[in-house]
């Protein structure tokens, strides 16, 4: 089943970040992202798995992070994540058996329940954790996405090969 995965869809807050929303005195929002997750996403660049992010909030910081990581499929301020996910699948000529999804709360469930593989960070509420096929050993914003990516690649028998491609790329850069 894992070899059919061609698209990893992620939520942002609570998955790529710790889920906390920080405002300064000028109401400027900041977020912290894990470099470990970033490297995991870069590993996927050496596979046939694309990455998409669908989030309910809007953040220029997230746009910058996606630009840094080469993530081209980003949808922000989305109330109906399922509708957007279906549009992505149509545009990529994929179906739900090709989707792995990582979310952290019930607003992710409509998409998550359709995905072939469902994942959550370690620190989600217990009732939501029960919905997942994979529970990361890491919290959101602390390597949970990388953990899931490594799990997917290992289950496909590709991790070592992808890692070697990544390292060869670094040596030649």
Protein backbone atom coordinates (compact mmCIF):
# COMPACT_ATOMS: atom_id res chain seq x y z
CA UNK A 1 0.00 0.00 0.00
CA UNK A 2 2.77 2.47 0.86
CA UNK A 3 4.30 2.15 -2.61
CA UNK A 4 1.10 3.76 -3.97
CA UNK A 5 1.69 6.97 -2.02
CA UNK A 6 2.39 9.84 -4.40
CA UNK A 7 1.21 12.78 -2.29
CA UNK A 8 1.85 13.78 1.30
CA UNK A 9 -0.67 16.35 2.54
CA UNK A 10 0.16 18.20 5.75
CA UNK A 11 -1.63 20.55 8.06
CA UNK A 12 0.55 23.36 9.39
CA UNK A 13 -0.26 24.46 12.95
CA UNK A 14 0.33 21.53 15.27
CA UNK A 15 2.06 19.46 12.58
CA UNK A 16 4.83 21.57 11.03
CA UNK A 17 4.71 23.84 14.09
CA UNK A 18 4.10 23.23 17.79
CA UNK A 19 0.56 24.54 17.36
CA UNK A 20 1.17 27.65 19.42
CA UNK A 21 0.42 31.02 17.89
CA UNK A 22 2.78 33.76 19.03
CA UNK A 23 1.96 37.46 18.71
CA UNK A 24 4.25 40.32 19.64
CA UNK A 25 3.09 43.74 20.90
CA UNK A 26 2.57 44.84 17.29
CA UNK A 27 0.33 41.79 16.68
CA UNK A 28 2.95 40.29 14.40
CA UNK A 29 2.64 36.52 14.31
CA UNK A 30 5.63 34.21 14.55
CA UNK A 31 5.94 30.45 14.19
CA UNK A 32 8.76 27.99 14.75
CA UNK A 33 9.45 25.22 12.24
CA UNK A 34 11.69 22.20 12.72
CA UNK A 35 14.79 21.95 10.54
CA UNK A 36 14.41 18.17 10.96
CA UNK A 37 11.02 18.28 9.24
CA UNK A 38 12.54 20.46 6.53
CA UNK A 39 15.23 17.90 5.78
CA UNK A 40 12.61 15.15 5.63
CA UNK A 41 10.65 17.18 3.08
CA UNK A 42 13.84 17.73 1.07
CA UNK A 43 14.36 13.93 1.03
CA UNK A 44 11.00 13.59 -0.70
CA UNK A 45 12.43 15.68 -3.54
CA UNK A 46 14.38 12.54 -4.49
CA UNK A 47 11.20 10.45 -4.76
CA UNK A 48 7.93 10.51 -6.69
CA UNK A 49 6.06 11.85 -3.63
CA UNK A 50 4.84 15.45 -3.83
CA UNK A 51 4.08 17.57 -0.75
CA UNK A 52 1.01 19.75 -0.25
CA UNK A 53 0.02 21.89 2.71
CA UNK A 54 -3.58 22.80 3.45
CA UNK A 55 -4.13 25.03 6.46
CA UNK A 56 -7.01 26.94 8.00
CA UNK A 57 -4.91 29.99 8.86
CA UNK A 58 -2.97 32.41 6.64
CA UNK A 59 0.63 33.21 7.34
CA UNK A 60 3.34 34.91 5.32
CA UNK A 61 5.78 32.93 7.46
CA UNK A 62 4.39 29.65 6.11
CA UNK A 63 4.68 30.94 2.54
CA UNK A 64 8.35 31.70 3.23
CA UNK A 65 8.91 28.22 4.69
CA UNK A 66 7.30 26.61 1.63
CA UNK A 67 9.47 28.74 -0.67
CA UNK A 68 12.56 27.66 1.30
CA UNK A 69 11.62 23.97 1.00
CA UNK A 70 10.37 24.06 -2.60
CA UNK A 71 6.78 23.21 -1.64
CA UNK A 72 4.65 24.48 -4.50
CA UNK A 73 1.24 23.19 -3.40
CA UNK A 74 0.11 25.48 -0.58
CA UNK A 75 -3.44 26.46 0.30
CA UNK A 76 -4.02 28.84 3.22
CA UNK A 77 -7.11 30.10 5.03
CA UNK A 78 -9.10 27.07 3.93
CA UNK A 79 -12.32 26.15 5.70
CA UNK A 80 -13.11 23.10 3.57
CA UNK A 81 -9.86 21.13 3.38
CA UNK A 82 -11.58 18.16 1.76
CA UNK A 83 -12.73 20.21 -1.23
CA UNK A 84 -9.22 21.58 -1.74
CA UNK A 85 -7.64 18.14 -1.36
CA UNK A 86 -10.00 16.76 -4.01
CA UNK A 87 -8.97 19.61 -6.37
CA UNK A 88 -5.30 18.79 -5.77
CA UNK A 89 -5.91 15.11 -6.53
CA UNK A 90 -7.75 15.99 -9.72
CA UNK A 91 -4.96 18.34 -10.86
CA UNK A 92 -2.30 15.69 -10.17
CA UNK A 93 -4.40 12.86 -11.65
CA UNK A 94 -4.27 10.93 -8.36
CA UNK A 95 -6.86 9.37 -6.07
CA UNK A 96 -7.16 8.79 -2.35
CA UNK A 97 -5.16 5.55 -2.39
CA UNK A 98 -2.17 7.75 -3.34
CA UNK A 99 -2.48 10.05 -0.29
CA UNK A 100 -0.73 10.09 3.05
CA UNK A 101 -2.02 12.75 5.45
CA UNK A 102 -0.71 14.16 8.71
CA UNK A 103 -3.02 16.29 10.83
CA UNK A 104 -3.42 17.10 14.49
CA UNK A 105 -7.10 17.72 15.24
CA UNK A 106 -10.68 17.18 14.16
CA UNK A 107 -10.62 19.92 11.51
CA UNK A 108 -8.25 17.59 9.61
CA UNK A 109 -10.52 14.56 9.88
CA UNK A 110 -12.59 14.96 6.67
CA UNK A 111 -9.39 14.70 4.62
CA UNK A 112 -7.61 12.30 6.93
CA UNK A 113 -10.37 9.70 6.87
CA UNK A 114 -10.12 9.49 3.07
CA UNK A 115 -6.32 9.15 2.94
CA UNK A 116 -4.69 5.76 2.49
CA UNK A 117 -2.32 6.42 5.40
CA UNK A 118 -3.25 8.66 8.34
CA UNK A 119 -0.64 10.08 10.69
CA UNK A 120 -0.55 12.33 13.75
CA UNK A 121 2.15 13.87 15.93
CA UNK A 122 2.65 12.36 19.39
CA UNK A 123 1.04 15.27 21.25
CA UNK A 124 -2.47 15.16 19.77
CA UNK A 125 -5.50 14.58 21.98
CA UNK A 126 -6.06 10.86 22.67
CA UNK A 127 -9.46 10.75 20.96
CA UNK A 128 -7.92 12.01 17.73
CA UNK A 129 -4.84 9.81 18.02
CA UNK A 130 -7.13 6.79 17.67
CA UNK A 131 -7.91 7.86 14.09
CA UNK A 132 -4.31 7.37 12.94
CA UNK A 133 -2.44 4.50 11.36
CA UNK A 134 0.87 6.07 12.43
CA UNK A 135 1.57 8.02 15.61
CA UNK A 136 4.91 9.81 15.51
CA UNK A 137 7.24 9.52 18.46
CA UNK A 138 7.73 13.29 18.12
CA UNK A 139 5.48 16.26 18.82
CA UNK A 140 4.25 18.62 16.13
CA UNK A 141 6.94 21.12 15.19
CA UNK A 142 9.61 18.86 16.70
CA UNK A 143 10.27 16.31 13.97
CA UNK A 144 6.91 14.53 13.61
CA UNK A 145 6.79 15.14 9.85
CA UNK A 146 10.34 13.84 9.37
CA UNK A 147 9.47 10.77 11.45
CA UNK A 148 6.47 10.06 9.21
CA UNK A 149 8.48 10.61 6.02
CA UNK A 150 11.19 8.21 7.19
CA UNK A 151 8.49 5.67 8.08
CA UNK A 152 6.94 5.99 4.59
CA UNK A 153 10.29 5.67 2.82
CA UNK A 154 11.37 2.69 4.91
CA UNK A 155 8.03 0.93 4.37
CA UNK A 156 8.54 1.41 0.61
CA UNK A 157 12.09 0.04 0.89
CA UNK A 158 13.48 3.35 -0.40
CA UNK A 159 14.98 5.10 2.60
CA UNK A 160 18.64 4.13 2.12
CA UNK A 161 18.53 4.78 -1.63
CA UNK A 162 16.88 8.19 -1.17
CA UNK A 163 19.35 9.12 1.57
CA UNK A 164 22.27 8.21 -0.70
CA UNK A 165 20.83 10.35 -3.52
CA UNK A 166 20.45 13.25 -1.09
CA UNK A 167 24.02 12.87 0.19
CA UNK A 168 25.39 12.64 -3.38
CA UNK A 169 23.52 15.84 -4.18
CA UNK A 170 25.11 17.57 -1.17
CA UNK A 171 28.58 16.39 -2.19
CA UNK A 172 28.17 17.70 -5.73
CA UNK A 173 26.60 21.03 -4.79
